[in-house]
Amino acid sequence: MGAERIALVAGDQRVDLLVRRRPDQDLGAEVFSQRVFLVSPGGRHLVHATADRALRVRGERREHVIDRAGERDVRFSADGRRMAALQESGSGGMSTVVLLDLDRDVERPLGQVYWPRWMEWVERGVVVAHLDVAGKRPTLTYFPLDGQPRVLVSREGIEARFTAASRGTRVMFFGGPADHRRIYTVEVDGGEPRVVGTLPDPAWNVEMAPDGREAAIVTHGALHRWTAGGPLEQLDRGRIIHTVWYSPDGAALAYASSERATVLLPGGVRRDLDAPGGDLRALRFRRDGEGLVAVRGDTALAWLPATGEIRVLAAARPGETLQGADVYRGGVVLWTSSSGDGPPTTTAPTTTAPAASPPTASPPAQRASAARAQASPG
């Protein structure tokens, strides 16, 4: 058996938030990082999985636990004021879409789905990919913050991975009975799905800009950009891209393979972060400031593409493999794995402060998608 761990590090202080055993063969499998930990827009909250398959949401003054929601999709709204999670509703494959108001610490259900597969925010609610109650037809359902759920589409052949405009109303999905390369969009406030393009190969991953005006689509060995009303554009080719994100304001696009991270800045400016060892495992835009957090080897880096500045934030301990990282309240969140005996199992702290909040001394400088070790997003 091996182990995986989430730790919060500031200077020489380290607090374990999660330590759990896993079969060794699972540690190298594809894992969606946002099902393990996620920092909210603005950096006010951190949600992470627990060893007993719950989600623990940490803020400045309090924490909130959602039982039976670990290892499932969890997402923060674009304004960072709400969080949506998928909570098991007993046996039979049913799950409850749970909404948590982070300002008031109030939790309420939005509805139920059968066998959920993916979830994304739009401006006024969440969209969930799931199976219909018969367990056969892939379905996208919109759960508004106010009002009744609405099925956007339900048909054979729809891919589980979709994307949505976190500050808009547009949803993009792929596939259907005829062709898995077709690109569809649908608006959550009404209308039927329509074909907006065709890919050369099936989509592996996708991320939409917050306003819904464009989307980055990963296929085998290539990255494409779809723009509303424009032709499909190939941005990159020849490498296996494991992560793709838009910046919170939608102005920059970041993507990464094991060999290189790339950021496309306004004005057509491109910046690269190379990994000669082929060990670039993760990349995220910072939620609390400018730049990105990258994992190269077993080191978490703060990267400011506009200036070229690169700084070391933290590193995994000997014997651990760093799978993902982010910045939270003056500390660095590290997600690591280890094989064999792994680190000793310990009990994560149950209080938010001071145990879960490292001191702000020496603060560090400065969404992604289906990926090996650090899948994003979105």
Protein backbone atom coordinates (compact mmCIF):
# COMPACT_ATOMS: atom_id res chain seq x y z
CA MET A 1 0.00 0.00 0.00
CA GLY A 2 1.09 3.56 -0.70
CA ALA A 3 -0.22 6.84 0.60
CA GLU A 4 -1.31 10.26 -0.55
CA ARG A 5 -1.11 13.40 1.51
CA ILE A 6 -2.32 16.99 1.45
CA ALA A 7 -0.19 19.34 3.54
CA LEU A 8 -0.26 23.08 4.19
CA VAL A 9 3.26 24.49 4.39
CA ALA A 10 4.55 27.91 5.47
CA GLY A 11 8.25 28.29 6.03
CA ASP A 12 9.38 25.40 8.24
CA GLN A 13 5.86 24.74 9.54
CA ARG A 14 3.76 21.98 8.03
CA VAL A 15 0.21 20.83 8.82
CA ASP A 16 -1.18 17.60 7.37
CA LEU A 17 -4.77 18.02 6.16
CA LEU A 18 -5.15 14.55 4.66
CA VAL A 19 -3.21 11.31 4.91
CA ARG A 20 -4.77 8.17 3.48
CA ARG A 21 -3.62 4.81 2.20
CA ARG A 22 -4.14 3.75 -1.40
CA PRO A 23 -3.12 0.67 -3.38
CA ASP A 24 0.21 1.40 -5.07
CA GLN A 25 -1.29 0.93 -8.52
CA ASP A 26 -3.81 3.73 -7.85
CA LEU A 27 -1.18 6.33 -7.03
CA GLY A 28 -0.05 6.67 -10.62
CA ALA A 29 -3.54 6.59 -12.09
CA GLU A 30 -5.29 9.59 -13.58
CA VAL A 31 -6.84 11.66 -10.81
CA PHE A 32 -8.76 14.89 -11.16
CA SER A 33 -6.99 17.28 -8.82
CA GLN A 34 -10.15 19.30 -8.14
CA ARG A 35 -11.63 16.18 -6.53
CA VAL A 36 -8.76 16.24 -4.03
CA PHE A 37 -8.25 19.94 -3.23
CA LEU A 38 -9.24 23.36 -4.58
CA VAL A 39 -8.68 26.99 -3.57
CA SER A 40 -11.53 29.45 -4.10
CA PRO A 41 -11.33 32.56 -6.30
CA GLY A 42 -9.82 35.27 -4.13
CA GLY A 43 -8.07 32.65 -2.00
CA ARG A 44 -10.48 32.87 0.96
CA HIS A 45 -11.38 29.17 1.16
CA LEU A 46 -9.74 25.79 0.71
CA VAL A 47 -11.71 22.59 0.19
CA HIS A 48 -10.05 19.22 0.40
CA ALA A 49 -10.97 15.55 0.63
CA THR A 50 -10.73 13.68 3.92
CA ALA A 51 -9.80 10.10 4.72
CA ASP A 52 -13.44 9.25 5.46
CA ARG A 53 -14.67 10.44 2.04
CA ALA A 54 -15.99 13.80 3.19
CA LEU A 55 -15.10 17.32 2.03
CA ARG A 56 -13.69 19.82 4.50
CA VAL A 57 -14.09 23.50 3.62
CA ARG A 58 -11.71 25.82 5.46
CA GLY A 59 -12.08 29.58 5.80
CA GLU A 60 -10.71 32.33 8.00
CA ARG A 61 -12.92 31.72 11.02
CA ARG A 62 -14.66 28.39 10.58
CA GLU A 63 -14.85 25.17 8.64
CA HIS A 64 -17.69 23.19 7.12
CA VAL A 65 -17.79 19.44 6.49
CA ILE A 66 -19.92 17.80 3.78
CA ASP A 67 -20.18 14.07 4.42
CA ARG A 68 -20.22 11.46 1.65
CA ALA A 69 -18.87 13.95 -0.90
CA GLY A 70 -15.18 13.06 -1.13
CA GLU A 71 -13.59 11.96 -4.43
CA ARG A 72 -16.41 13.63 -6.37
CA ASP A 73 -16.58 16.91 -8.24
CA VAL A 74 -16.55 20.09 -6.18
CA ARG A 75 -16.52 23.60 -7.66
CA PHE A 76 -16.41 27.21 -6.47
CA SER A 77 -18.47 29.86 -8.23
CA ALA A 78 -16.52 32.49 -10.18
CA ASP A 79 -17.11 35.12 -7.48
CA GLY A 80 -15.89 32.77 -4.74
CA ARG A 81 -19.06 33.18 -2.67
CA ARG A 82 -20.56 29.73 -3.24
CA MET A 83 -19.44 26.15 -3.59
CA ALA A 84 -21.22 23.20 -5.18
CA ALA A 85 -20.53 19.56 -4.34
CA LEU A 86 -21.95 16.14 -5.18
CA GLN A 87 -23.04 14.16 -2.11
CA GLU A 88 -23.91 10.47 -2.17
CA SER A 89 -27.59 9.86 -1.39
CA GLY A 90 -27.35 6.30 -0.15
CA SER A 91 -27.11 3.26 -2.39
CA GLY A 92 -28.35 3.05 -5.95
CA GLY A 93 -26.10 5.62 -7.61
CA MET A 94 -28.09 8.73 -6.67
CA SER A 95 -26.32 11.93 -5.60
CA THR A 96 -27.51 15.26 -4.27
CA VAL A 97 -26.25 18.51 -5.78
CA VAL A 98 -25.37 20.51 -2.66
CA LEU A 99 -24.91 24.29 -2.59
CA LEU A 100 -22.88 25.91 0.19
CA ASP A 101 -23.20 29.66 0.78
CA LEU A 102 -19.69 30.49 1.99
CA ASP A 103 -20.59 33.90 3.42
CA ARG A 104 -23.37 32.53 5.63
CA ASP A 105 -22.10 28.94 6.03
CA VAL A 106 -25.51 27.65 4.93
CA GLU A 107 -25.91 24.42 2.97
CA ARG A 108 -28.95 23.46 0.88
CA PRO A 109 -29.78 20.91 -1.84
CA LEU A 110 -30.42 21.95 -5.45
CA GLY A 111 -31.64 18.56 -6.66
CA GLN A 112 -30.62 14.97 -7.34
CA VAL A 113 -28.94 13.15 -10.22
CA TYR A 114 -28.16 9.56 -11.07
CA TRP A 115 -24.51 8.59 -11.52
CA PRO A 116 -22.89 12.07 -11.82
CA ARG A 117 -19.84 12.36 -14.04
CA TRP A 118 -18.80 16.04 -14.17
CA MET A 119 -19.93 19.45 -12.89
CA GLU A 120 -19.34 23.10 -13.87
CA TRP A 121 -20.60 26.51 -12.78
CA VAL A 122 -22.38 29.03 -14.95
CA GLU A 123 -23.23 32.49 -13.66
CA ARG A 124 -26.46 31.58 -11.86
CA GLY A 125 -26.15 27.89 -11.13
CA VAL A 126 -24.39 24.62 -11.88
CA VAL A 127 -24.58 22.13 -14.73
CA VAL A 128 -24.07 18.42 -14.03
CA ALA A 129 -23.28 15.64 -16.49
CA HIS A 130 -24.94 12.41 -15.37
CA LEU A 131 -26.91 9.41 -16.60
CA ASP A 132 -30.68 9.37 -16.80
CA VAL A 133 -32.53 7.23 -14.27
CA ALA A 134 -32.49 4.28 -16.64
CA GLY A 135 -28.69 4.49 -16.56
CA LYS A 136 -28.29 4.60 -20.33
CA ARG A 137 -28.54 8.13 -21.72
CA PRO A 138 -25.86 10.73 -20.89
CA THR A 139 -27.59 13.89 -19.73
CA LEU A 140 -26.71 17.50 -18.93
CA THR A 141 -28.96 19.14 -16.33
CA TYR A 142 -28.91 22.77 -15.22
CA PHE A 143 -29.54 23.47 -11.54
CA PRO A 144 -30.21 27.22 -11.10
CA LEU A 145 -29.68 28.96 -7.78
CA ASP A 146 -33.38 29.84 -7.91
CA GLY A 147 -35.98 27.81 -9.78
CA GLN A 148 -36.40 24.27 -11.02
CA PRO A 149 -33.73 22.08 -12.67
CA ARG A 150 -33.84 21.91 -16.46
CA VAL A 151 -32.48 19.17 -18.75
CA LEU A 152 -30.32 20.80 -21.41
CA VAL A 153 -29.71 17.67 -23.47
CA SER A 154 -30.11 13.90 -23.06
CA ARG A 155 -28.88 11.62 -25.85
CA GLU A 156 -26.61 8.70 -26.59
CA GLY A 157 -22.90 9.31 -27.15
CA ILE A 158 -22.38 12.54 -25.22
CA GLU A 159 -18.92 12.75 -23.64
CA ALA A 160 -18.82 13.17 -19.85
CA ARG A 161 -16.28 15.99 -20.05
CA PHE A 162 -17.93 19.31 -20.89
CA THR A 163 -17.22 22.95 -20.08
CA ALA A 164 -19.22 26.08 -19.26
CA ALA A 165 -18.90 29.86 -18.96
CA SER A 166 -18.47 30.49 -15.23
CA ARG A 167 -19.64 34.10 -15.67
CA GLY A 168 -22.11 33.46 -18.48
CA THR A 169 -24.79 31.09 -19.75
CA ARG A 170 -23.04 28.99 -22.42
CA VAL A 171 -22.28 25.27 -22.13
CA MET A 172 -20.11 23.29 -24.56
CA PHE A 173 -20.22 19.52 -24.98
CA PHE A 174 -19.11 16.92 -27.48
CA GLY A 175 -20.46 13.92 -29.31
CA GLY A 176 -23.72 12.34 -30.15
CA PRO A 177 -25.07 9.31 -31.96
CA ALA A 178 -23.31 10.20 -35.22
CA ASP A 179 -19.90 11.67 -34.45
CA HIS A 180 -17.86 12.20 -31.26
CA ARG A 181 -15.87 14.99 -32.96
CA ARG A 182 -18.78 17.39 -33.17
CA ILE A 183 -18.77 20.49 -30.93
CA TYR A 184 -22.11 21.59 -29.50
CA THR A 185 -23.16 24.62 -27.47
CA VAL A 186 -26.36 25.25 -25.57
CA GLU A 187 -27.55 28.17 -23.43
CA VAL A 188 -28.84 27.38 -19.94
CA ASP A 189 -31.52 30.08 -20.19
CA GLY A 190 -33.23 28.49 -23.20
CA GLY A 191 -32.80 27.12 -26.70
CA GLU A 192 -31.75 23.85 -28.28
CA PRO A 193 -28.18 22.55 -28.64
CA ARG A 194 -26.51 23.45 -31.92
CA VAL A 195 -23.42 22.25 -33.75
CA VAL A 196 -20.72 24.95 -33.80
CA GLY A 197 -17.78 23.01 -35.23
CA THR A 198 -16.08 19.70 -35.88
CA LEU A 199 -12.76 18.55 -34.44
CA PRO A 200 -10.15 16.54 -36.35
CA ASP A 201 -10.04 14.06 -33.45
CA PRO A 202 -12.22 13.42 -30.37
CA ALA A 203 -11.80 15.87 -27.49
CA TRP A 204 -9.73 14.80 -24.50
CA ASN A 205 -10.19 17.93 -22.45
CA VAL A 206 -11.75 21.38 -22.70
CA GLU A 207 -11.90 24.68 -20.83
CA MET A 208 -14.10 27.71 -21.61
CA ALA A 209 -13.28 31.36 -20.99
CA PRO A 210 -15.38 32.81 -18.14
CA ASP A 211 -17.51 34.91 -20.52
CA GLY A 212 -18.10 31.99 -22.92
CA ARG A 213 -16.70 33.76 -25.99
CA GLU A 214 -14.01 31.14 -26.60
CA ALA A 215 -12.86 27.71 -25.48
CA ALA A 216 -9.61 25.72 -25.61
CA ILE A 217 -10.03 22.10 -26.69
CA VAL A 218 -7.41 19.38 -26.28
CA THR A 219 -7.29 16.49 -28.73
CA HIS A 220 -4.61 13.83 -29.20
CA GLY A 221 -1.38 15.79 -29.66
CA ALA A 222 -3.00 19.15 -30.37
CA LEU A 223 -4.70 22.19 -28.82
CA HIS A 224 -7.47 24.08 -30.61
CA ARG A 225 -9.25 27.34 -29.89
CA TRP A 226 -12.94 27.74 -30.66
CA THR A 227 -14.22 31.31 -30.90
CA ALA A 228 -17.91 32.20 -31.08
CA GLY A 229 -18.69 33.00 -34.71
CA GLY A 230 -15.16 32.18 -35.89
CA PRO A 231 -13.27 29.21 -37.33
CA LEU A 232 -11.56 26.55 -35.25
CA GLU A 233 -7.89 27.49 -34.77
CA GLN A 234 -5.00 25.16 -33.97
CA LEU A 235 -2.81 26.70 -31.26
CA ASP A 236 -0.31 23.91 -30.64
CA ARG A 237 0.53 20.42 -31.84
CA GLY A 238 2.98 17.59 -31.33
CA ARG A 239 2.74 17.16 -27.56
CA ILE A 240 0.33 15.51 -25.15
CA ILE A 241 -1.33 18.34 -23.22
CA HIS A 242 -2.54 17.36 -19.77
CA THR A 243 -3.72 20.70 -18.36
CA VAL A 244 -5.58 23.72 -19.73
CA TRP A 245 -6.91 26.79 -17.87
CA TYR A 246 -8.11 30.32 -18.58
CA SER A 247 -7.12 33.05 -16.15
CA PRO A 248 -9.94 34.27 -13.88
CA ASP A 249 -10.43 37.36 -16.08
CA GLY A 250 -10.24 35.32 -19.29
CA ALA A 251 -7.36 37.40 -20.66
CA ALA A 252 -4.74 34.61 -20.62
CA LEU A 253 -4.74 30.94 -21.57
CA ALA A 254 -2.38 28.44 -19.95
CA TYR A 255 -1.72 24.84 -20.90
CA ALA A 256 0.92 22.24 -20.15
CA SER A 257 2.44 18.96 -21.21
CA SER A 258 5.05 17.02 -19.27
CA GLU A 259 7.79 18.85 -21.17
CA ARG A 260 6.56 22.46 -21.12
CA ALA A 261 4.01 24.92 -19.75
CA THR A 262 2.79 27.69 -22.04
CA VAL A 263 0.87 30.89 -21.36
CA LEU A 264 -0.71 32.97 -24.12
CA LEU A 265 -0.97 36.56 -22.93
CA PRO A 266 -2.94 39.45 -24.47
CA GLY A 267 -1.47 40.82 -27.66
CA GLY A 268 -0.32 37.42 -28.91
CA VAL A 269 2.58 37.21 -26.42
CA ARG A 270 3.68 33.66 -25.60
CA ARG A 271 5.72 32.58 -22.58
CA ASP A 272 7.08 29.08 -21.90
CA LEU A 273 8.31 27.26 -18.80
CA ASP A 274 10.40 24.26 -19.84
CA ALA A 275 10.82 20.98 -17.96
CA PRO A 276 13.84 19.21 -19.49
CA GLY A 277 13.20 16.19 -17.30
CA GLY A 278 9.67 15.73 -18.67
CA ASP A 279 8.29 16.09 -15.15
CA LEU A 280 5.97 19.10 -15.30
CA ARG A 281 2.96 17.61 -13.51
CA ALA A 282 0.67 20.51 -12.70
CA LEU A 283 -0.19 24.10 -13.56
CA ARG A 284 -2.79 26.47 -12.07
CA PHE A 285 -3.50 30.17 -12.17
CA ARG A 286 -3.15 31.67 -8.71
CA ARG A 287 -6.48 32.44 -7.09
CA ASP A 288 -5.13 35.15 -4.81
CA GLY A 289 -2.96 37.20 -7.16
CA GLU A 290 -1.03 37.30 -10.41
CA GLY A 291 0.83 34.48 -12.08
CA LEU A 292 0.65 30.71 -11.83
CA VAL A 293 1.72 27.83 -9.62
CA ALA A 294 3.57 25.07 -11.46
CA VAL A 295 4.85 21.69 -10.29
CA ARG A 296 8.16 20.78 -11.92
CA GLY A 297 9.74 17.67 -10.51
CA ASP A 298 8.95 17.65 -6.82
CA THR A 299 9.09 21.45 -6.45
CA ALA A 300 6.23 23.96 -6.47
CA LEU A 301 7.12 27.11 -8.40
CA ALA A 302 5.62 30.59 -8.55
CA TRP A 303 5.76 31.74 -12.18
CA LEU A 304 5.07 35.27 -13.46
CA PRO A 305 5.02 34.90 -17.26
CA ALA A 306 4.75 38.66 -17.85
CA THR A 307 8.16 39.27 -16.25
CA GLY A 308 9.72 35.82 -16.48
CA GLU A 309 10.17 35.60 -12.70
CA ILE A 310 10.31 32.07 -11.24
CA ARG A 311 10.53 31.40 -7.51
CA VAL A 312 10.53 28.22 -5.44
CA LEU A 313 7.54 28.01 -3.11
CA ALA A 314 7.99 24.61 -1.47
CA ALA A 315 9.12 21.07 -2.20
CA ALA A 316 7.96 17.56 -1.45
CA ARG A 317 9.76 15.62 1.23
CA PRO A 318 12.17 12.80 0.34
CA GLY A 319 10.27 9.74 -0.82
CA GLU A 320 7.21 11.74 -1.91
CA THR A 321 6.09 12.63 -5.43
CA LEU A 322 4.52 16.07 -5.79
CA GLN A 323 1.31 15.80 -7.81
CA GLY A 324 -0.18 19.28 -7.40
CA ALA A 325 0.17 22.56 -5.51
CA ASP A 326 -1.54 25.89 -4.88
CA VAL A 327 -1.29 28.93 -2.62
CA TYR A 328 -3.65 29.51 0.31
CA ARG A 329 -3.54 32.23 3.00
CA GLY A 330 0.21 32.71 3.02
CA GLY A 331 0.98 29.01 2.78
CA VAL A 332 1.42 26.42 0.04
CA VAL A 333 -0.88 23.43 -0.38
CA LEU A 334 1.06 20.33 -1.46
CA TRP A 335 -0.59 17.18 -2.78
CA THR A 336 1.89 14.30 -2.70
CA SER A 337 1.94 10.54 -3.13
CA SER A 338 4.35 7.86 -2.02
CA SER A 339 4.63 4.16 -2.70
CA GLY A 340 5.57 1.28 -0.46
CA ASP A 341 5.10 1.98 3.23
CA GLY A 342 4.61 5.70 2.55
CA PRO A 343 4.38 8.30 5.29
CA PRO A 344 2.80 7.31 8.58
CA THR A 345 -0.94 7.72 8.86
CA THR A 346 -1.90 10.61 11.12
CA THR A 347 -5.12 12.33 12.07
CA ALA A 348 -5.74 15.62 10.28
CA PRO A 349 -6.54 18.57 12.54
CA THR A 350 -10.23 19.33 12.97
CA THR A 351 -9.92 23.03 13.73
CA THR A 352 -9.33 25.80 11.23
CA ALA A 353 -7.17 28.12 13.31
CA PRO A 354 -4.46 28.10 14.21
CA ALA A 355 -3.68 24.49 13.22
CA ALA A 356 -5.02 24.70 9.67
CA SER A 357 -3.60 28.17 9.03
CA PRO A 358 0.19 28.51 8.94
CA PRO A 359 1.56 31.89 9.97
CA THR A 360 1.76 34.53 7.28
CA ALA A 361 5.47 35.06 7.79
CA SER A 362 7.49 34.71 4.57
CA PRO A 363 4.41 34.62 2.32
CA PRO A 364 5.07 33.10 -1.10
CA ALA A 365 5.15 35.09 -4.31
CA GLN A 366 2.94 34.22 -6.50
CA ARG A 367 -8.58 25.47 -13.93
CA ALA A 368 -6.85 22.20 -16.59
CA SER A 369 -8.49 19.33 -16.98
CA ALA A 370 -8.29 15.56 -17.43
CA ALA A 371 -4.63 14.91 -16.76
CA ARG A 372 -2.18 12.45 -15.42
CA ALA A 373 -1.74 13.27 -11.74
CA GLN A 374 -3.14 16.81 -12.00
CA ALA A 375 -6.20 16.77 -14.12
CA SER A 376 -8.08 20.02 -14.35
CA PRO A 377 -10.97 21.15 -14.90
CA GLY A 378 -12.02 23.21 -14.88
